[in-house]
Protein backbone atom coordinates (compact mmCIF):
# COMPACT_ATOMS: atom_id res chain seq x y z
CA MET A 1 -130.39 -38.04 10.18
CA GLN A 2 -134.09 -37.20 10.34
CA HIS A 3 -133.69 -35.68 13.81
CA ASP A 4 -131.16 -33.02 12.71
CA LEU A 5 -133.09 -30.97 10.18
CA ARG A 6 -130.41 -28.29 9.76
CA LEU A 7 -127.73 -30.86 8.98
CA ARG A 8 -130.10 -32.61 6.57
CA ALA A 9 -130.82 -29.32 4.80
CA ALA A 10 -127.10 -28.62 4.51
CA ALA A 11 -126.49 -32.11 3.13
CA ARG A 12 -129.30 -31.62 0.60
CA ALA A 13 -127.80 -28.29 -0.53
CA ILE A 14 -124.38 -29.89 -0.95
CA TYR A 15 -125.84 -32.91 -2.74
CA ASP A 16 -127.89 -30.76 -5.11
CA ASN A 17 -124.87 -28.59 -5.94
CA VAL A 18 -122.40 -31.43 -6.41
CA TYR A 19 -124.83 -33.68 -8.28
CA PRO A 20 -127.13 -31.18 -10.06
CA ALA A 21 -128.27 -33.29 -12.98
CA VAL A 22 -129.76 -36.73 -13.31
CA ASP A 23 -126.68 -37.66 -15.32
CA LEU A 24 -124.40 -37.09 -12.32
CA ALA A 25 -126.61 -38.63 -9.65
CA PRO A 26 -128.85 -41.57 -10.42
CA PHE A 27 -131.10 -40.76 -7.44
CA SER A 28 -132.84 -37.71 -6.00
CA PHE A 29 -131.63 -36.62 -2.57
CA ASP A 30 -134.55 -38.35 -0.85
CA GLU A 31 -133.87 -41.61 -2.68
CA ALA A 32 -130.14 -41.36 -2.02
CA GLU A 33 -130.90 -40.84 1.68
CA ARG A 34 -133.22 -43.83 1.76
CA PHE A 35 -130.69 -46.10 0.03
CA GLY A 36 -127.63 -44.65 1.80
CA THR A 37 -125.72 -44.13 -1.43
CA VAL A 38 -122.07 -43.11 -1.57
CA GLU A 39 -123.10 -39.71 -2.89
CA TYR A 40 -125.46 -39.21 0.02
CA ARG A 41 -122.83 -40.22 2.56
CA GLN A 42 -120.34 -37.83 0.95
CA ALA A 43 -122.84 -34.97 1.14
CA VAL A 44 -123.55 -35.74 4.81
CA GLY A 45 -119.83 -35.86 5.56
CA ALA A 46 -119.33 -32.51 3.85
CA ALA A 47 -122.23 -31.02 5.84
CA GLN A 48 -120.77 -32.35 9.09
CA ASP A 49 -117.35 -30.90 8.21
CA ALA A 50 -118.96 -27.55 7.36
CA ARG A 51 -120.88 -27.54 10.64
CA TYR A 52 -117.67 -28.15 12.58
CA VAL A 53 -115.86 -25.31 10.78
CA LEU A 54 -118.77 -22.90 11.24
CA GLU A 55 -119.11 -23.75 14.93
CA ALA A 56 -115.37 -23.26 15.44
CA GLN A 57 -115.56 -19.84 13.76
CA HIS A 58 -118.53 -18.92 15.98
CA ASP A 59 -116.59 -19.95 19.09
CA GLN A 60 -113.65 -17.80 17.98
CA LEU A 61 -115.94 -14.81 17.54
CA LEU A 62 -117.42 -15.32 21.01
CA PHE A 63 -113.93 -15.57 22.51
CA ALA A 64 -112.82 -12.38 20.74
CA ALA A 65 -115.92 -10.57 22.03
CA ILE A 66 -115.05 -11.56 25.60
CA LEU A 67 -111.57 -10.08 25.26
């Protein structure tokens, strides 16, 4: 995911909020990314879902502006 910096930043924000303490996540975000942990994959999935929802909302706004 190194090529999509915005998606990576969103995944990091989600990861850091869901797993804020060392007790909840055994790895930092960078380590979790390197090892492809379940927590990392969940954060990436959440970021992808959020991107889809935000893009859909943007498209709706553009359509409403055209009308």
